[in-house]
Amino acid sequence: MNQIFTVEGMTCGHCEKAVTKALLALDAQAKIVINRTLNTVQVASEKPREALEQAIAEEGYRVTA
C-alpha cells in the first residue's frame, strides 16, 4: 500500500536518513521516497499508517497529514 505523509522539520540529508532508517526498522521491505522541498514522505508498505507515522514522529518530526 502506498501512503504519503506531510512531515515538518526535515531540513537536510541527515533528516532524510533518520526517517528512512526508522521506517526501514519497522518494515525492511518498505520503498521510501522523500521530497524535502514538498515536505513529503512516500512509503510503500503493508504496515498500518499509524505505525509508520509513529516511526517518523519518534525521530522528532511532526506528521501533519
N, C-alpha and C. Protein backbone atom coordinates (compact mmCIF):
# COMPACT_ATOMS: atom_id res chain seq x y z
N MET A 1 0.83 -1.16 0.00
CA MET A 1 0.00 0.00 0.00
C MET A 1 0.89 1.24 0.00
N ASN A 2 0.58 2.19 -0.84
CA ASN A 2 1.37 3.41 -0.95
C ASN A 2 0.72 4.51 -0.11
N GLN A 3 1.50 5.11 0.78
CA GLN A 3 0.98 6.16 1.65
C GLN A 3 1.89 7.37 1.59
N ILE A 4 1.28 8.54 1.65
CA ILE A 4 2.05 9.79 1.61
C ILE A 4 1.80 10.56 2.89
N PHE A 5 2.90 10.99 3.52
CA PHE A 5 2.84 11.77 4.75
C PHE A 5 3.42 13.15 4.49
N THR A 6 2.81 14.18 5.07
CA THR A 6 3.39 15.51 5.08
C THR A 6 4.12 15.63 6.41
N VAL A 7 5.43 15.92 6.33
CA VAL A 7 6.27 15.89 7.53
C VAL A 7 7.00 17.22 7.68
N GLU A 8 6.87 17.83 8.85
CA GLU A 8 7.57 19.09 9.14
C GLU A 8 8.90 18.81 9.83
N GLY A 9 9.90 19.63 9.50
CA GLY A 9 11.16 19.58 10.23
C GLY A 9 12.31 18.91 9.50
N MET A 10 12.07 18.31 8.35
CA MET A 10 13.17 17.68 7.60
C MET A 10 13.88 18.77 6.82
N THR A 11 15.12 19.05 7.18
CA THR A 11 15.83 20.16 6.54
C THR A 11 17.12 19.75 5.84
N CYS A 12 17.55 18.50 6.02
CA CYS A 12 18.84 18.12 5.45
C CYS A 12 18.89 16.63 5.14
N GLY A 13 19.98 16.20 4.58
CA GLY A 13 20.18 14.80 4.25
C GLY A 13 20.17 13.92 5.49
N HIS A 14 20.69 14.43 6.60
CA HIS A 14 20.67 13.66 7.84
C HIS A 14 19.22 13.37 8.27
N CYS A 15 18.35 14.35 8.11
CA CYS A 15 16.93 14.17 8.44
C CYS A 15 16.33 13.05 7.58
N GLU A 16 16.62 13.09 6.29
CA GLU A 16 16.12 12.05 5.38
C GLU A 16 16.60 10.67 5.82
N LYS A 17 17.88 10.57 6.17
CA LYS A 17 18.44 9.28 6.59
C LYS A 17 17.79 8.79 7.88
N ALA A 18 17.54 9.70 8.81
CA ALA A 18 16.92 9.31 10.08
C ALA A 18 15.52 8.76 9.86
N VAL A 19 14.74 9.44 9.04
CA VAL A 19 13.37 9.00 8.75
C VAL A 19 13.41 7.67 7.99
N THR A 20 14.28 7.57 7.01
CA THR A 20 14.40 6.34 6.23
C THR A 20 14.79 5.17 7.13
N LYS A 21 15.77 5.38 7.99
CA LYS A 21 16.23 4.32 8.89
C LYS A 21 15.10 3.86 9.82
N ALA A 22 14.34 4.81 10.36
CA ALA A 22 13.24 4.48 11.26
C ALA A 22 12.17 3.66 10.55
N LEU A 23 11.84 4.05 9.32
CA LEU A 23 10.82 3.32 8.57
C LEU A 23 11.30 1.93 8.16
N LEU A 24 12.55 1.82 7.79
CA LEU A 24 13.09 0.51 7.41
C LEU A 24 13.22 -0.41 8.63
N ALA A 25 13.41 0.15 9.80
CA ALA A 25 13.44 -0.67 11.02
C ALA A 25 12.08 -1.29 11.28
N LEU A 26 11.04 -0.57 10.90
CA LEU A 26 9.67 -1.07 11.05
C LEU A 26 9.31 -2.06 9.96
N ASP A 27 9.76 -1.77 8.73
CA ASP A 27 9.46 -2.63 7.58
C ASP A 27 10.67 -2.60 6.64
N ALA A 28 11.48 -3.63 6.72
CA ALA A 28 12.72 -3.68 5.93
C ALA A 28 12.46 -3.71 4.43
N GLN A 29 11.25 -4.07 4.01
CA GLN A 29 10.92 -4.15 2.59
C GLN A 29 10.29 -2.86 2.05
N ALA A 30 10.09 -1.88 2.91
CA ALA A 30 9.44 -0.63 2.51
C ALA A 30 10.23 0.09 1.42
N LYS A 31 9.50 0.71 0.51
CA LYS A 31 10.09 1.59 -0.51
C LYS A 31 9.76 3.01 -0.06
N ILE A 32 10.79 3.84 0.06
CA ILE A 32 10.63 5.18 0.63
C ILE A 32 11.17 6.23 -0.33
N VAL A 33 10.35 7.26 -0.56
CA VAL A 33 10.77 8.41 -1.37
C VAL A 33 10.50 9.67 -0.56
N ILE A 34 11.55 10.44 -0.30
CA ILE A 34 11.41 11.66 0.48
C ILE A 34 11.68 12.87 -0.41
N ASN A 35 10.79 13.86 -0.30
CA ASN A 35 10.97 15.11 -1.03
C ASN A 35 10.95 16.24 0.00
N ARG A 36 12.12 16.72 0.36
CA ARG A 36 12.21 17.78 1.38
C ARG A 36 11.56 19.07 0.91
N THR A 37 11.63 19.37 -0.38
CA THR A 37 11.04 20.59 -0.91
C THR A 37 9.54 20.62 -0.66
N LEU A 38 8.88 19.48 -0.85
CA LEU A 38 7.44 19.39 -0.64
C LEU A 38 7.07 18.91 0.76
N ASN A 39 8.08 18.59 1.57
CA ASN A 39 7.87 18.05 2.92
C ASN A 39 7.06 16.77 2.91
N THR A 40 7.33 15.90 1.93
CA THR A 40 6.57 14.66 1.85
C THR A 40 7.47 13.44 2.02
N VAL A 41 6.86 12.40 2.59
CA VAL A 41 7.48 11.10 2.70
C VAL A 41 6.49 10.11 2.11
N GLN A 42 6.88 9.47 1.04
CA GLN A 42 6.04 8.48 0.39
C GLN A 42 6.56 7.10 0.77
N VAL A 43 5.68 6.25 1.27
CA VAL A 43 6.09 4.93 1.76
C VAL A 43 5.20 3.86 1.14
N ALA A 44 5.83 2.89 0.49
CA ALA A 44 5.12 1.71 0.00
C ALA A 44 5.38 0.61 1.02
N SER A 45 4.35 0.28 1.80
CA SER A 45 4.49 -0.70 2.88
C SER A 45 3.12 -1.26 3.22
N GLU A 46 3.12 -2.47 3.74
CA GLU A 46 1.87 -3.08 4.20
C GLU A 46 1.60 -2.78 5.68
N LYS A 47 2.52 -2.09 6.32
CA LYS A 47 2.34 -1.73 7.73
C LYS A 47 1.23 -0.68 7.86
N PRO A 48 0.53 -0.66 9.01
CA PRO A 48 -0.54 0.33 9.21
C PRO A 48 0.01 1.75 9.18
N ARG A 49 -0.81 2.67 8.68
CA ARG A 49 -0.42 4.07 8.59
C ARG A 49 0.02 4.61 9.96
N GLU A 50 -0.71 4.24 11.01
CA GLU A 50 -0.41 4.74 12.35
C GLU A 50 1.00 4.31 12.78
N ALA A 51 1.40 3.10 12.46
CA ALA A 51 2.72 2.62 12.85
C ALA A 51 3.82 3.37 12.10
N LEU A 52 3.59 3.63 10.82
CA LEU A 52 4.56 4.38 10.02
C LEU A 52 4.67 5.82 10.54
N GLU A 53 3.54 6.41 10.83
CA GLU A 53 3.51 7.78 11.36
C GLU A 53 4.24 7.85 12.70
N GLN A 54 4.04 6.86 13.54
CA GLN A 54 4.71 6.83 14.85
C GLN A 54 6.22 6.71 14.68
N ALA A 55 6.67 5.91 13.72
CA ALA A 55 8.11 5.76 13.49
C ALA A 55 8.74 7.09 13.08
N ILE A 56 8.03 7.85 12.26
CA ILE A 56 8.52 9.18 11.85
C ILE A 56 8.54 10.12 13.05
N ALA A 57 7.46 10.12 13.82
CA ALA A 57 7.36 11.00 14.98
C ALA A 57 8.42 10.70 16.03
N GLU A 58 8.75 9.43 16.21
CA GLU A 58 9.77 9.05 17.20
C GLU A 58 11.15 9.59 16.84
N GLU A 59 11.35 9.95 15.58
CA GLU A 59 12.62 10.56 15.17
C GLU A 59 12.61 12.07 15.39
N GLY A 60 11.47 12.60 15.85
CA GLY A 60 11.39 14.02 16.18
C GLY A 60 10.76 14.89 15.11
N TYR A 61 10.10 14.28 14.15
CA TYR A 61 9.46 15.04 13.07
C TYR A 61 7.95 14.99 13.23
N ARG A 62 7.31 16.08 12.88
CA ARG A 62 5.86 16.20 13.04
C ARG A 62 5.15 15.82 11.75
N VAL A 63 4.27 14.82 11.84
CA VAL A 63 3.46 14.42 10.69
C VAL A 63 2.19 15.25 10.75
N THR A 64 1.94 16.05 9.70
CA THR A 64 0.78 16.94 9.70
C THR A 64 -0.35 16.42 8.84
N ALA A 65 -0.06 15.47 7.97
CA ALA A 65 -1.13 14.90 7.12
C ALA A 65 -0.68 13.55 6.62
